[in-house]
Amino acid sequence: MSFIQFTWSMAGNHNFLGKAFGLFMNMDKMLGSDLEKGLAQLKTVAEGKALPPHRVGGVME
């Protein structure tokens, strides 16, 4: 049995307003659905299944 291990992270510099925003906003709630969608797509690719075409910035990829 084989497996794939990966790390998903976000990084960046935050000024005072960015830090204050992070204190009062639930980032899991804000980004959770996007992360779940990305993990589902990663699973599809890892299992060798094709993804349906999708739009990025109004352009079909």
PDB file of N, CA and C in Angstrom:
ATOM      1  N   MET A   1       0.841  -1.173   0.000  1.00  0.00           N
ATOM      2  CA  MET A   1       0.000   0.000   0.000  1.00  0.00           C
ATOM      3  C   MET A   1       0.888   1.239   0.000  1.00  0.00           C
ATOM      4  N   SER A   2       0.582   2.188  -0.852  1.00  0.00           N
ATOM      5  CA  SER A   2       1.351   3.427  -0.898  1.00  0.00           C
ATOM      6  C   SER A   2       0.504   4.578  -0.358  1.00  0.00           C
ATOM      7  N   PHE A   3       1.168   5.628   0.011  1.00  0.00           N
ATOM      8  CA  PHE A   3       0.454   6.797   0.506  1.00  0.00           C
ATOM      9  C   PHE A   3       1.202   8.053   0.105  1.00  0.00           C
ATOM     10  N   ILE A   4       0.492   9.168   0.176  1.00  0.00           N
ATOM     11  CA  ILE A   4       1.060  10.475  -0.136  1.00  0.00           C
ATOM     12  C   ILE A   4       0.957  11.330   1.108  1.00  0.00           C
ATOM     13  N   GLN A   5       2.044  11.978   1.451  1.00  0.00           N
ATOM     14  CA  GLN A   5       2.045  12.889   2.588  1.00  0.00           C
ATOM     15  C   GLN A   5       2.321  14.287   2.057  1.00  0.00           C
ATOM     16  N   PHE A   6       1.550  15.255   2.512  1.00  0.00           N
ATOM     17  CA  PHE A   6       1.778  16.622   2.085  1.00  0.00           C
ATOM     18  C   PHE A   6       1.511  17.562   3.246  1.00  0.00           C
ATOM     19  N   THR A   7       2.001  18.776   3.118  1.00  0.00           N
ATOM     20  CA  THR A   7       1.778  19.817   4.108  1.00  0.00           C
ATOM     21  C   THR A   7       1.093  20.982   3.432  1.00  0.00           C
ATOM     22  N   TRP A   8       0.028  21.456   4.031  1.00  0.00           N
ATOM     23  CA  TRP A   8      -0.729  22.582   3.487  1.00  0.00           C
ATOM     24  C   TRP A   8      -0.574  23.709   4.495  1.00  0.00           C
ATOM     25  N   SER A   9      -0.013  24.809   4.071  1.00  0.00           N
ATOM     26  CA  SER A   9       0.198  25.913   5.005  1.00  0.00           C
ATOM     27  C   SER A   9      -0.043  27.244   4.319  1.00  0.00           C
ATOM     28  N   MET A  10      -0.238  28.232   5.141  1.00  0.00           N
ATOM     29  CA  MET A  10      -0.386  29.605   4.670  1.00  0.00           C
ATOM     30  C   MET A  10       0.586  30.456   5.474  1.00  0.00           C
ATOM     31  N   ALA A  11       1.206  31.396   4.810  1.00  0.00           N
ATOM     32  CA  ALA A  11       2.159  32.256   5.496  1.00  0.00           C
ATOM     33  C   ALA A  11       2.060  33.667   4.927  1.00  0.00           C
ATOM     34  N   GLY A  12       2.446  34.612   5.706  1.00  0.00           N
ATOM     35  CA  GLY A  12       2.448  35.989   5.237  1.00  0.00           C
ATOM     36  C   GLY A  12       2.777  36.947   6.364  1.00  0.00           C
ATOM     37  N   ASN A  13       3.038  38.172   5.998  1.00  0.00           N
ATOM     38  CA  ASN A  13       3.326  39.217   6.975  1.00  0.00           C
ATOM     39  C   ASN A  13       2.045  40.013   7.222  1.00  0.00           C
ATOM     40  N   HIS A  14       1.787  40.315   8.474  1.00  0.00           N
ATOM     41  CA  HIS A  14       0.586  41.055   8.834  1.00  0.00           C
ATOM     42  C   HIS A  14       0.961  42.322   9.583  1.00  0.00           C
ATOM     43  N   ASN A  15       0.384  43.437   9.135  1.00  0.00           N
ATOM     44  CA  ASN A  15       0.569  44.676   9.874  1.00  0.00           C
ATOM     45  C   ASN A  15      -0.396  44.673  11.061  1.00  0.00           C
ATOM     46  N   PHE A  16      -0.490  45.768  11.767  1.00  0.00           N
ATOM     47  CA  PHE A  16      -1.339  45.838  12.946  1.00  0.00           C
ATOM     48  C   PHE A  16      -2.790  45.509  12.624  1.00  0.00           C
ATOM     49  N   LEU A  17      -3.325  46.084  11.540  1.00  0.00           N
ATOM     50  CA  LEU A  17      -4.723  45.824  11.177  1.00  0.00           C
ATOM     51  C   LEU A  17      -4.945  44.356  10.831  1.00  0.00           C
ATOM     52  N   GLY A  18      -4.005  43.743  10.148  1.00  0.00           N
ATOM     53  CA  GLY A  18      -4.117  42.328   9.816  1.00  0.00           C
ATOM     54  C   GLY A  18      -4.126  41.453  11.050  1.00  0.00           C
ATOM     55  N   LYS A  19      -3.293  41.790  12.022  1.00  0.00           N
ATOM     56  CA  LYS A  19      -3.263  41.032  13.273  1.00  0.00           C
ATOM     57  C   LYS A  19      -4.562  41.207  14.048  1.00  0.00           C
ATOM     58  N   ALA A  20      -5.084  42.436  14.080  1.00  0.00           N
ATOM     59  CA  ALA A  20      -6.350  42.690  14.775  1.00  0.00           C
ATOM     60  C   ALA A  20      -7.483  41.926  14.092  1.00  0.00           C
ATOM     61  N   PHE A  21      -7.488  41.905  12.781  1.00  0.00           N
ATOM     62  CA  PHE A  21      -8.500  41.167  12.024  1.00  0.00           C
ATOM     63  C   PHE A  21      -8.470  39.694  12.404  1.00  0.00           C
ATOM     64  N   GLY A  22      -7.279  39.138  12.491  1.00  0.00           N
ATOM     65  CA  GLY A  22      -7.124  37.732  12.841  1.00  0.00           C
ATOM     66  C   GLY A  22      -7.618  37.390  14.237  1.00  0.00           C
ATOM     67  N   LEU A  23      -7.571  38.344  15.141  1.00  0.00           N
ATOM     68  CA  LEU A  23      -8.047  38.104  16.498  1.00  0.00           C
ATOM     69  C   LEU A  23      -9.565  37.982  16.566  1.00  0.00           C
ATOM     70  N   PHE A  24     -10.262  38.721  15.710  1.00  0.00           N
ATOM     71  CA  PHE A  24     -11.713  38.800  15.809  1.00  0.00           C
ATOM     72  C   PHE A  24     -12.461  37.977  14.770  1.00  0.00           C
ATOM     73  N   MET A  25     -11.776  37.453  13.795  1.00  0.00           N
ATOM     74  CA  MET A  25     -12.436  36.672  12.744  1.00  0.00           C
ATOM     75  C   MET A  25     -12.087  35.193  12.905  1.00  0.00           C
ATOM     76  N   ASN A  26     -13.036  34.335  12.620  1.00  0.00           N
ATOM     77  CA  ASN A  26     -12.833  32.893  12.680  1.00  0.00           C
ATOM     78  C   ASN A  26     -12.307  32.441  11.314  1.00  0.00           C
ATOM     79  N   MET A  27     -10.999  32.246  11.231  1.00  0.00           N
ATOM     80  CA  MET A  27     -10.389  31.900   9.949  1.00  0.00           C
ATOM     81  C   MET A  27     -10.815  30.510   9.479  1.00  0.00           C
ATOM     82  N   ASP A  28     -11.059  29.585  10.397  1.00  0.00           N
ATOM     83  CA  ASP A  28     -11.547  28.261  10.004  1.00  0.00           C
ATOM     84  C   ASP A  28     -12.886  28.382   9.301  1.00  0.00           C
ATOM     85  N   LYS A  29     -13.741  29.239   9.828  1.00  0.00           N
ATOM     86  CA  LYS A  29     -15.063  29.431   9.224  1.00  0.00           C
ATOM     87  C   LYS A  29     -14.928  30.120   7.860  1.00  0.00           C
ATOM     88  N   MET A  30     -14.015  31.096   7.764  1.00  0.00           N
ATOM     89  CA  MET A  30     -13.838  31.835   6.515  1.00  0.00           C
ATOM     90  C   MET A  30     -13.243  30.969   5.412  1.00  0.00           C
ATOM     91  N   LEU A  31     -12.272  30.132   5.753  1.00  0.00           N
ATOM     92  CA  LEU A  31     -11.531  29.370   4.751  1.00  0.00           C
ATOM     93  C   LEU A  31     -11.884  27.893   4.693  1.00  0.00           C
ATOM     94  N   GLY A  32     -12.656  27.420   5.670  1.00  0.00           N
ATOM     95  CA  GLY A  32     -12.933  26.000   5.795  1.00  0.00           C
ATOM     96  C   GLY A  32     -13.492  25.356   4.541  1.00  0.00           C
ATOM     97  N   SER A  33     -14.489  25.987   3.920  1.00  0.00           N
ATOM     98  CA  SER A  33     -15.099  25.376   2.733  1.00  0.00           C
ATOM     99  C   SER A  33     -14.111  25.316   1.572  1.00  0.00           C
ATOM    100  N   ASP A  34     -13.259  26.338   1.434  1.00  0.00           N
ATOM    101  CA  ASP A  34     -12.253  26.323   0.371  1.00  0.00           C
ATOM    102  C   ASP A  34     -11.221  25.218   0.613  1.00  0.00           C
ATOM    103  N   LEU A  35     -10.818  25.045   1.873  1.00  0.00           N
ATOM    104  CA  LEU A  35      -9.858  23.988   2.187  1.00  0.00           C
ATOM    105  C   LEU A  35     -10.459  22.609   1.938  1.00  0.00           C
ATOM    106  N   GLU A  36     -11.711  22.417   2.320  1.00  0.00           N
ATOM    107  CA  GLU A  36     -12.379  21.136   2.076  1.00  0.00           C
ATOM    108  C   GLU A  36     -12.479  20.851   0.582  1.00  0.00           C
ATOM    109  N   LYS A  37     -12.806  21.856  -0.195  1.00  0.00           N
ATOM    110  CA  LYS A  37     -12.903  21.694  -1.656  1.00  0.00           C
ATOM    111  C   LYS A  37     -11.534  21.320  -2.232  1.00  0.00           C
ATOM    112  N   GLY A  38     -10.486  22.004  -1.767  1.00  0.00           N
ATOM    113  CA  GLY A  38      -9.140  21.709  -2.242  1.00  0.00           C
ATOM    114  C   GLY A  38      -8.704  20.294  -1.883  1.00  0.00           C
ATOM    115  N   LEU A  39      -9.039  19.851  -0.672  1.00  0.00           N
ATOM    116  CA  LEU A  39      -8.680  18.488  -0.271  1.00  0.00           C
ATOM    117  C   LEU A  39      -9.432  17.458  -1.100  1.00  0.00           C
ATOM    118  N   ALA A  40     -10.691  17.738  -1.422  1.00  0.00           N
ATOM    119  CA  ALA A  40     -11.467  16.814  -2.262  1.00  0.00           C
ATOM    120  C   ALA A  40     -10.851  16.724  -3.657  1.00  0.00           C
ATOM    121  N   GLN A  41     -10.405  17.863  -4.195  1.00  0.00           N
ATOM    122  CA  GLN A  41      -9.761  17.856  -5.507  1.00  0.00           C
ATOM    123  C   GLN A  41      -8.418  17.135  -5.458  1.00  0.00           C
ATOM    124  N   LEU A  42      -7.668  17.330  -4.376  1.00  0.00           N
ATOM    125  CA  LEU A  42      -6.392  16.637  -4.210  1.00  0.00           C
ATOM    126  C   LEU A  42      -6.612  15.131  -4.161  1.00  0.00           C
ATOM    127  N   LYS A  43      -7.643  14.692  -3.459  1.00  0.00           N
ATOM    128  CA  LYS A  43      -7.966  13.268  -3.381  1.00  0.00           C
ATOM    129  C   LYS A  43      -8.278  12.719  -4.770  1.00  0.00           C
ATOM    130  N   THR A  44      -9.045  13.472  -5.552  1.00  0.00           N
ATOM    131  CA  THR A  44      -9.397  13.043  -6.907  1.00  0.00           C
ATOM    132  C   THR A  44      -8.153  12.863  -7.765  1.00  0.00           C
ATOM    133  N   VAL A  45      -7.243  13.816  -7.686  1.00  0.00           N
ATOM    134  CA  VAL A  45      -6.002  13.730  -8.462  1.00  0.00           C
ATOM    135  C   VAL A  45      -5.142  12.571  -7.973  1.00  0.00           C
ATOM    136  N   ALA A  46      -5.032  12.418  -6.642  1.00  0.00           N
ATOM    137  CA  ALA A  46      -4.203  11.355  -6.082  1.00  0.00           C
ATOM    138  C   ALA A  46      -4.730   9.974  -6.450  1.00  0.00           C
ATOM    139  N   GLU A  47      -6.042   9.859  -6.619  1.00  0.00           N
ATOM    140  CA  GLU A  47      -6.640   8.582  -6.995  1.00  0.00           C
ATOM    141  C   GLU A  47      -6.620   8.352  -8.500  1.00  0.00           C
ATOM    142  N   GLY A  48      -6.064   9.317  -9.242  1.00  0.00           N
ATOM    143  CA  GLY A  48      -5.924   9.159 -10.684  1.00  0.00           C
ATOM    144  C   GLY A  48      -7.182   9.447 -11.474  1.00  0.00           C
ATOM    145  N   LYS A  49      -8.125  10.117 -10.858  1.00  0.00           N
ATOM    146  CA  LYS A  49      -9.359  10.483 -11.553  1.00  0.00           C
ATOM    147  C   LYS A  49      -9.209  11.887 -12.126  1.00  0.00           C
ATOM    148  N   ALA A  50      -9.890  12.148 -13.218  1.00  0.00           N
ATOM    149  CA  ALA A  50      -9.813  13.469 -13.857  1.00  0.00           C
ATOM    150  C   ALA A  50     -10.716  14.459 -13.133  1.00  0.00           C
ATOM    151  N   LEU A  51     -10.262  15.688 -13.036  1.00  0.00           N
ATOM    152  CA  LEU A  51     -11.079  16.769 -12.498  1.00  0.00           C
ATOM    153  C   LEU A  51     -11.870  17.423 -13.621  1.00  0.00           C
ATOM    154  N   PRO A  52     -13.080  17.885 -13.347  1.00  0.00           N
ATOM    155  CA  PRO A  52     -13.806  18.626 -14.370  1.00  0.00           C
ATOM    156  C   PRO A  52     -13.121  19.975 -14.611  1.00  0.00           C
ATOM    157  N   PRO A  53     -13.251  20.543 -15.807  1.00  0.00           N
ATOM    158  CA  PRO A  53     -12.645  21.859 -16.054  1.00  0.00           C
ATOM    159  C   PRO A  53     -13.235  22.895 -15.100  1.00  0.00           C
ATOM    160  N   HIS A  54     -12.455  23.896 -14.750  1.00  0.00           N
ATOM    161  CA  HIS A  54     -12.936  24.943 -13.861  1.00  0.00           C
ATOM    162  C   HIS A  54     -12.438  26.297 -14.324  1.00  0.00           C
ATOM    163  N   ARG A  55     -13.072  27.328 -13.831  1.00  0.00           N
ATOM    164  CA  ARG A  55     -12.720  28.699 -14.215  1.00  0.00           C
ATOM    165  C   ARG A  55     -11.802  29.330 -13.168  1.00  0.00           C
ATOM    166  N   VAL A  56     -10.803  30.032 -13.667  1.00  0.00           N
ATOM    167  CA  VAL A  56      -9.907  30.805 -12.820  1.00  0.00           C
ATOM    168  C   VAL A  56      -9.870  32.205 -13.395  1.00  0.00           C
ATOM    169  N   GLY A  57     -10.376  33.169 -12.669  1.00  0.00           N
ATOM    170  CA  GLY A  57     -10.397  34.531 -13.159  1.00  0.00           C
ATOM    171  C   GLY A  57     -11.194  34.682 -14.446  1.00  0.00           C
ATOM    172  N   GLY A  58     -12.257  33.908 -14.603  1.00  0.00           N
ATOM    173  CA  GLY A  58     -13.110  33.990 -15.783  1.00  0.00           C
ATOM    174  C   GLY A  58     -12.581  33.229 -16.976  1.00  0.00           C
ATOM    175  N   VAL A  59     -11.430  32.567 -16.844  1.00  0.00           N
ATOM    176  CA  VAL A  59     -10.820  31.836 -17.944  1.00  0.00           C
ATOM    177  C   VAL A  59     -10.947  30.335 -17.659  1.00  0.00           C
ATOM    178  N   MET A  60     -11.414  29.593 -18.634  1.00  0.00           N
ATOM    179  CA  MET A  60     -11.547  28.141 -18.469  1.00  0.00           C
ATOM    180  C   MET A  60     -10.187  27.501 -18.556  1.00  0.00           C
ATOM    181  N   GLU A  61      -9.848  26.667 -17.562  1.00  0.00           N
ATOM    182  CA  GLU A  61      -8.577  25.933 -17.578  1.00  0.00           C
ATOM    183  C   GLU A  61      -8.813  24.501 -17.936  1.00  0.00           C
TER     184      GLU A  61
END
